[in-house]
Amino acid sequence: MSSEQTLAQMNLMCMWLAAILYGINCILFGTCVCVISIRSPAHSRLLLCATSFQFAMSTAHVILMFIQAMIAFTNTTIAATPDGANLYYAATGNPIFLAGQLIYIVNSLAQELLLIWRLYVVWNQNFKVCILPLITWVAHCATASVAVALLAPKNASIFSYTFRALSLSGWSLEMILNVTLTAGIVYRIWQTGQQTAALTSGGGFRYKGTIITIVESGALIAACTFVIFCLWAAGNIAGLVGSNIAMQVATMTPLLIIVRGGLRCSHSNLGSYERYSYTLDPWRSTSFVRKLQTEIAQ
């Protein structure tokens, strides 16, 4: 079996896996819309717009993958060429492939930007904690964009040193951003949970479920990116093909946080409502702690 045939099979397999993940995202997105509409936190409009944008990007990406597969396996000219489908997937300068990669980058950057916004809100709208993440985000945006631009010429090589270096740098920055932002958010929630426990009569830690949800979602996208990074660093083309799956995972991450946070809470329990608010609208819970502190000081 030649490497070209393996490339075609990997693309076909990734297409079906991405389609399955997209189906899961459809369910999550529908549930997310219901949760946001029912609970109606202060930032519901922003969250709804952000998740809708990412869901639209994942939809467009799946459509492009199916178009690519249809052309690769049903086009008469390609079918008449020996290993035509494999050569089609291996060719650079393909507008559909470039559009898919561009959508993947935009979606990943949107997911990171939403995570930066969560960090900003959790830390009492303190812009200083977002400066370094924003610089890293801009660097990721630049390296990823240049990497895709290098594949635009028809005679470009995906195994060129420049493209490999830029793509690996982009995935490194993506991993760093997701891990550090998740850690910063979790630390702030833990800190506020400790303050809430000390100021309320119950004395229990309220945000354990929220922390677990955020850590699991952050670990999901970080692990996916890490696998892609390792494969591509080893020179395995599966790393580049696997970005089709990472596209759907990037969309799934924020949806999981909202859906799991919303479904975990009951309508009648104030403590549950506070935990839910911290998942969708951390600023409310932070304000709640400051209010308690003020009342005690008076």
Protein backbone atom coordinates (compact mmCIF):
# COMPACT_ATOMS: atom_id res chain seq x y z
CA MET A 1 0.00 0.00 0.00
CA SER A 2 1.51 3.31 -1.04
CA SER A 3 1.67 6.41 1.08
CA GLU A 4 -0.62 8.20 -1.41
CA GLN A 5 -3.30 5.56 -0.93
CA THR A 6 -2.91 5.90 2.81
CA LEU A 7 -3.41 9.65 2.45
CA ALA A 8 -6.71 9.17 0.63
CA GLN A 9 -7.92 6.65 3.18
CA MET A 10 -6.95 8.93 6.08
CA ASN A 11 -8.91 11.82 4.57
CA LEU A 12 -11.95 9.60 4.05
CA MET A 13 -11.74 8.27 7.62
CA CYS A 14 -11.31 11.76 9.07
CA MET A 15 -14.32 12.93 7.08
CA TRP A 16 -16.58 10.33 8.68
CA LEU A 17 -15.16 10.95 12.16
CA ALA A 18 -15.64 14.69 11.70
CA ALA A 19 -19.21 14.05 10.54
CA ILE A 20 -19.91 12.07 13.73
CA LEU A 21 -18.45 14.85 15.87
CA TYR A 22 -20.47 17.39 13.90
CA GLY A 23 -23.62 15.43 14.71
CA ILE A 24 -22.72 15.65 18.40
CA ASN A 25 -22.12 19.39 17.97
CA CYS A 26 -25.58 19.77 16.44
CA ILE A 27 -27.14 18.28 19.56
CA LEU A 28 -24.90 20.34 21.85
CA PHE A 29 -25.63 23.56 19.97
CA GLY A 30 -29.38 23.03 20.12
CA THR A 31 -29.17 22.33 23.84
CA CYS A 32 -26.87 25.32 24.30
CA VAL A 33 -29.41 27.65 22.69
CA CYS A 34 -32.15 26.31 24.97
CA VAL A 35 -29.98 26.65 28.08
CA ILE A 36 -28.96 30.23 27.29
CA SER A 37 -32.54 31.21 26.41
CA ILE A 38 -33.99 29.77 29.63
CA ARG A 39 -31.32 31.00 32.02
CA SER A 40 -30.70 34.31 30.25
CA PRO A 41 -27.43 35.44 31.90
CA ALA A 42 -26.13 38.95 31.40
CA HIS A 43 -23.75 37.94 28.61
CA SER A 44 -26.15 35.55 26.86
CA ARG A 45 -26.16 37.50 23.60
CA LEU A 46 -22.37 37.41 23.31
CA LEU A 47 -22.23 33.71 24.17
CA LEU A 48 -24.99 32.91 21.69
CA CYS A 49 -23.25 34.88 18.92
CA ALA A 50 -19.88 33.25 19.65
CA THR A 51 -21.21 29.70 19.74
CA SER A 52 -23.38 30.32 16.67
CA PHE A 53 -20.36 31.58 14.76
CA GLN A 54 -18.29 28.54 15.68
CA PHE A 55 -21.15 26.19 14.81
CA ALA A 56 -21.49 27.91 11.42
CA MET A 57 -17.76 27.46 10.83
CA SER A 58 -17.91 23.75 11.70
CA THR A 59 -20.90 23.33 9.38
CA ALA A 60 -19.06 24.99 6.50
CA HIS A 61 -16.00 22.85 7.17
CA VAL A 62 -17.97 19.59 7.05
CA ILE A 63 -19.60 20.67 3.78
CA LEU A 64 -16.19 21.40 2.25
CA MET A 65 -14.90 17.99 3.36
CA PHE A 66 -17.80 16.24 1.63
CA ILE A 67 -17.28 18.33 -1.51
CA GLN A 68 -13.61 17.34 -1.54
CA ALA A 69 -14.50 13.66 -1.16
CA MET A 70 -17.11 13.88 -3.90
CA ILE A 71 -14.62 15.44 -6.30
CA ALA A 72 -11.80 13.06 -5.36
CA PHE A 73 -13.82 9.87 -5.78
CA THR A 74 -16.43 10.72 -8.44
CA ASN A 75 -14.76 13.16 -10.83
CA THR A 76 -14.21 11.33 -14.14
CA THR A 77 -10.86 12.98 -14.87
CA ILE A 78 -9.49 12.17 -11.42
CA ALA A 79 -10.93 8.65 -11.53
CA ALA A 80 -9.20 7.99 -14.86
CA THR A 81 -5.83 8.96 -13.38
CA PRO A 82 -3.88 6.27 -11.50
CA ASP A 83 -4.08 7.10 -7.79
CA GLY A 84 -6.13 10.13 -8.81
CA ALA A 85 -7.94 10.56 -5.50
CA ASN A 86 -4.69 10.38 -3.58
CA LEU A 87 -2.99 12.87 -5.87
CA TYR A 88 -5.97 15.20 -5.52
CA TYR A 89 -5.66 15.23 -1.73
CA ALA A 90 -1.88 15.63 -1.93
CA ALA A 91 -2.03 18.61 -4.31
CA THR A 92 -1.45 22.08 -2.88
CA GLY A 93 -3.16 25.18 -4.19
CA ASN A 94 -6.55 23.45 -4.03
CA PRO A 95 -9.08 26.23 -3.28
CA ILE A 96 -11.37 23.88 -1.33
CA PHE A 97 -8.49 22.60 0.80
CA LEU A 98 -7.25 26.14 1.45
CA ALA A 99 -10.75 27.30 2.39
CA GLY A 100 -11.08 24.39 4.82
CA GLN A 101 -7.74 25.19 6.45
CA LEU A 102 -8.66 28.87 6.70
CA ILE A 103 -11.98 28.01 8.36
CA TYR A 104 -10.14 25.73 10.79
CA ILE A 105 -7.79 28.55 11.76
CA VAL A 106 -10.58 31.11 12.16
CA ASN A 107 -12.59 28.71 14.32
CA SER A 108 -9.61 27.89 16.54
CA LEU A 109 -8.83 31.58 16.97
CA ALA A 110 -12.47 32.28 17.83
CA GLN A 111 -12.41 29.53 20.46
CA GLU A 112 -9.25 31.00 21.99
CA LEU A 113 -10.69 34.53 21.93
CA LEU A 114 -13.80 33.32 23.75
CA LEU A 115 -11.55 31.70 26.35
CA ILE A 116 -9.64 34.98 26.77
CA TRP A 117 -12.95 36.76 27.28
CA ARG A 118 -13.89 34.25 29.97
CA LEU A 119 -10.56 34.94 31.69
CA TYR A 120 -11.25 38.68 31.49
CA VAL A 121 -14.71 38.31 33.03
CA VAL A 122 -13.62 35.90 35.76
CA TRP A 123 -10.82 38.22 36.86
CA ASN A 124 -13.25 41.10 37.52
CA GLN A 125 -12.79 42.57 34.04
CA ASN A 126 -9.10 43.15 34.69
CA PHE A 127 -7.51 43.74 31.30
CA LYS A 128 -3.97 43.29 32.63
CA VAL A 129 -4.35 39.52 32.94
CA CYS A 130 -5.32 39.38 29.25
CA ILE A 131 -2.34 41.25 27.82
CA LEU A 132 0.02 38.27 27.53
CA PRO A 133 -2.71 35.90 26.24
CA LEU A 134 -3.70 38.46 23.61
CA ILE A 135 -0.09 38.81 22.46
CA THR A 136 0.16 35.03 22.19
CA TRP A 137 -3.17 34.96 20.34
CA VAL A 138 -1.92 37.51 17.79
CA ALA A 139 1.27 35.46 17.32
CA HIS A 140 -0.82 32.34 16.74
CA CYS A 141 -2.99 34.23 14.26
CA ALA A 142 0.06 35.41 12.33
CA THR A 143 1.90 32.07 12.19
CA ALA A 144 -1.20 30.09 11.23
CA SER A 145 -2.19 32.56 8.51
CA VAL A 146 1.28 32.59 6.97
CA ALA A 147 1.41 28.79 7.08
CA VAL A 148 -1.81 28.51 5.08
CA ALA A 149 -0.62 31.18 2.65
CA LEU A 150 2.48 29.08 1.93
CA LEU A 151 0.22 26.30 0.61
CA ALA A 152 -1.51 28.57 -1.92
CA PRO A 153 0.98 28.00 -4.81
CA LYS A 154 0.38 24.79 -6.75
CA ASN A 155 4.03 23.78 -6.54
CA ALA A 156 4.23 24.23 -2.76
CA SER A 157 5.23 21.33 -0.52
CA ILE A 158 3.57 20.53 2.79
CA PHE A 159 6.87 19.00 3.90
CA SER A 160 8.85 22.21 3.36
CA TYR A 161 10.87 23.36 6.35
CA THR A 162 9.14 26.75 6.57
CA PHE A 163 5.62 25.32 6.52
CA ARG A 164 6.45 22.61 9.04
CA ALA A 165 8.09 25.14 11.37
CA LEU A 166 5.17 27.57 11.17
CA SER A 167 2.49 24.91 11.58
CA LEU A 168 4.26 23.38 14.58
CA SER A 169 4.71 26.85 16.07
CA GLY A 170 1.02 27.56 15.58
CA TRP A 171 -0.05 24.37 17.31
CA SER A 172 2.44 25.03 20.13
CA LEU A 173 0.94 28.46 20.71
CA GLU A 174 -2.55 26.96 20.61
CA MET A 175 -1.65 24.41 23.29
CA ILE A 176 0.01 27.06 25.46
CA LEU A 177 -3.02 29.34 25.19
CA ASN A 178 -5.58 26.68 26.02
CA VAL A 179 -3.63 25.28 28.96
CA THR A 180 -2.71 28.63 30.53
CA LEU A 181 -6.13 30.21 30.01
CA THR A 182 -7.90 27.19 31.44
CA ALA A 183 -5.55 27.20 34.42
CA GLY A 184 -6.11 30.92 34.99
CA ILE A 185 -9.89 30.55 34.88
CA VAL A 186 -9.89 27.51 37.15
CA TYR A 187 -7.63 29.21 39.68
CA ARG A 188 -9.88 32.26 39.84
CA ILE A 189 -13.00 30.12 40.26
CA TRP A 190 -11.28 28.12 43.01
CA GLN A 191 -10.19 31.34 44.72
CA THR A 192 -13.70 32.80 44.59
CA GLY A 193 -15.14 29.49 45.79
CA GLN A 194 -12.90 29.63 48.84
CA GLN A 195 -14.01 33.20 49.54
CA THR A 196 -17.67 32.25 49.14
CA ALA A 197 -17.27 29.29 51.49
CA ALA A 198 -15.70 31.53 54.12
CA LEU A 199 -18.41 34.20 53.86
CA THR A 200 -21.52 32.01 53.77
CA SER A 201 -23.08 29.94 56.52
CA GLY A 202 -22.85 26.69 54.56
CA GLY A 203 -19.10 26.83 54.34
CA GLY A 204 -18.95 24.31 51.50
CA PHE A 205 -17.08 24.68 48.24
CA ARG A 206 -19.67 25.41 45.56
CA TYR A 207 -17.81 25.34 42.28
CA LYS A 208 -16.25 21.88 42.15
CA GLY A 209 -18.52 20.77 39.31
CA THR A 210 -17.82 23.93 37.33
CA ILE A 211 -14.07 23.48 37.73
CA ILE A 212 -14.26 19.85 36.59
CA THR A 213 -16.30 20.86 33.53
CA ILE A 214 -13.86 23.59 32.50
CA VAL A 215 -10.80 21.38 33.08
CA GLU A 216 -12.29 18.53 31.05
CA SER A 217 -13.18 20.84 28.16
CA GLY A 218 -9.76 22.48 28.18
CA ALA A 219 -8.03 19.10 28.36
CA LEU A 220 -10.07 17.87 25.39
CA ILE A 221 -8.86 20.52 22.96
CA ALA A 222 -5.33 20.53 24.41
CA ALA A 223 -5.01 16.74 24.06
CA CYS A 224 -6.34 16.85 20.51
CA THR A 225 -3.84 19.56 19.55
CA PHE A 226 -1.03 17.68 21.29
CA VAL A 227 -1.70 14.50 19.28
CA ILE A 228 -1.73 16.47 16.02
CA PHE A 229 1.47 18.26 17.01
CA CYS A 230 3.30 15.01 17.83
CA LEU A 231 2.21 13.33 14.59
CA TRP A 232 3.25 16.28 12.45
CA ALA A 233 6.52 16.74 14.35
CA ALA A 234 7.30 13.09 13.55
CA GLY A 235 6.70 13.77 9.87
CA ASN A 236 3.41 11.85 9.76
CA ILE A 237 0.88 13.34 7.34
CA ALA A 238 -1.88 12.17 9.70
CA GLY A 239 -1.09 15.21 11.83
CA LEU A 240 -2.16 17.58 9.08
CA VAL A 241 -5.17 15.48 8.11
CA GLY A 242 -6.20 15.27 11.76
CA SER A 243 -6.87 19.01 11.83
CA ASN A 244 -10.25 18.14 10.30
CA ILE A 245 -11.17 16.41 13.56
CA ALA A 246 -9.63 19.17 15.68
CA MET A 247 -11.94 21.61 13.92
CA GLN A 248 -15.01 19.93 15.40
CA VAL A 249 -13.37 19.53 18.81
CA ALA A 250 -12.66 23.28 18.93
CA THR A 251 -16.36 23.93 18.36
CA MET A 252 -17.38 21.32 20.92
CA THR A 253 -15.29 22.75 23.79
CA PRO A 254 -17.30 25.92 24.61
CA LEU A 255 -20.58 24.13 23.93
CA LEU A 256 -19.75 21.47 26.50
CA ILE A 257 -19.05 24.08 29.17
CA ILE A 258 -22.39 25.81 28.66
CA VAL A 259 -24.50 22.67 28.27
CA ARG A 260 -23.01 20.74 31.18
CA GLY A 261 -23.14 23.81 33.40
CA GLY A 262 -26.78 24.43 32.54
CA LEU A 263 -28.06 20.88 32.79
CA ARG A 264 -26.30 20.29 36.09
CA CYS A 265 -28.26 22.98 37.89
CA SER A 266 -31.80 22.95 39.24
CA HIS A 267 -34.14 25.93 38.89
CA SER A 268 -34.99 26.03 42.56
CA ASN A 269 -31.56 25.77 44.18
CA LEU A 270 -29.83 29.12 44.75
CA GLY A 271 -26.45 27.48 45.18
CA SER A 272 -26.89 25.64 41.90
CA TYR A 273 -27.86 28.89 40.24
CA GLU A 274 -24.71 30.50 41.50
CA ARG A 275 -22.63 27.63 40.12
CA TYR A 276 -24.41 27.92 36.80
CA SER A 277 -23.87 31.66 36.75
CA TYR A 278 -20.15 31.14 37.18
CA THR A 279 -20.07 28.81 34.21
CA LEU A 280 -21.86 31.21 31.87
CA ASP A 281 -21.49 34.54 33.66
CA PRO A 282 -18.63 34.45 36.20
CA TRP A 283 -18.95 38.19 36.79
CA ARG A 284 -22.21 37.61 38.69
CA SER A 285 -20.65 35.22 41.16
CA THR A 286 -17.64 37.49 41.60
CA SER A 287 -20.00 40.39 42.32
CA PHE A 288 -21.85 38.13 44.76
CA VAL A 289 -18.65 37.59 46.73
CA ARG A 290 -17.81 41.30 46.76
CA LYS A 291 -21.35 42.08 47.97
CA LEU A 292 -20.95 39.65 50.88
CA GLN A 293 -17.57 41.15 51.72
CA THR A 294 -19.08 44.66 51.79
CA GLU A 295 -21.98 43.57 54.01
CA ILE A 296 -19.63 41.90 56.48
CA ALA A 297 -17.33 44.95 56.53
CA GLN A 298 -20.31 47.17 57.37
